[in-house]
Amino acid sequence: MTHHFTPDELVGLLEAAGFGEISVTSESEISSRRRDEAAYFLYATCRASR
């Protein structure tokens, strides 16, 4: 089962895990399995704050 996170959900999960300086970007990309359907992928960078 796949879960699709929103950027806010991802930030919340990273914060709860002890990360800070969180940046999330969303990029539209073509899936290798569904070339006619673009999907949005989230990329996050952060620093451990613990």
Protein backbone atom coordinates (compact mmCIF):
# COMPACT_ATOMS: atom_id res chain seq x y z
CA MET A 1 0.00 0.00 0.00
CA THR A 2 1.29 3.45 -0.89
CA HIS A 3 0.62 6.55 1.17
CA HIS A 4 0.65 9.92 -0.56
CA PHE A 5 1.87 12.63 1.80
CA THR A 6 1.12 16.32 1.57
CA PRO A 7 4.09 18.65 2.07
CA ASP A 8 2.65 19.67 5.48
CA GLU A 9 2.32 16.03 6.57
CA LEU A 10 5.92 15.36 5.58
CA VAL A 11 7.16 18.40 7.50
CA GLY A 12 5.17 17.32 10.55
CA LEU A 13 6.60 13.81 10.45
CA LEU A 14 10.15 15.11 10.11
CA GLU A 15 9.63 17.57 12.99
CA ALA A 16 8.19 14.79 15.16
CA ALA A 17 11.27 12.68 14.40
CA GLY A 18 13.53 15.47 15.68
CA PHE A 19 14.60 17.17 12.47
CA GLY A 20 14.86 20.91 11.90
CA GLU A 21 15.69 23.34 9.09
CA ILE A 22 13.23 21.42 6.92
CA SER A 23 12.75 22.28 3.27
CA VAL A 24 10.28 20.42 1.05
CA THR A 25 9.98 20.89 -2.69
CA SER A 26 7.46 19.33 -5.05
CA GLU A 27 8.45 18.30 -8.58
CA SER A 28 6.17 17.08 -11.35
CA GLU A 29 7.71 13.99 -12.94
CA ILE A 30 6.63 11.33 -15.42
CA SER A 31 6.26 7.85 -13.97
CA SER A 32 8.16 5.05 -15.68
CA ARG A 33 5.05 2.87 -15.29
CA ARG A 34 2.50 5.47 -16.42
CA ARG A 35 4.18 7.67 -18.99
CA ASP A 36 0.96 9.51 -19.81
CA GLU A 37 0.34 10.49 -16.17
CA ALA A 38 2.63 12.94 -14.41
CA ALA A 39 2.93 12.66 -10.64
CA TYR A 40 4.26 15.02 -8.00
CA PHE A 41 7.23 13.83 -5.99
CA LEU A 42 8.26 15.45 -2.72
CA TYR A 43 11.92 15.98 -1.90
CA ALA A 44 12.97 16.98 1.61
CA THR A 45 16.20 18.19 3.13
CA CYS A 46 16.65 18.70 6.85
CA ARG A 47 19.10 18.59 9.73
CA ALA A 48 19.07 16.41 12.81
CA SER A 49 18.37 18.63 15.80
CA ARG A 50 18.85 16.06 18.57
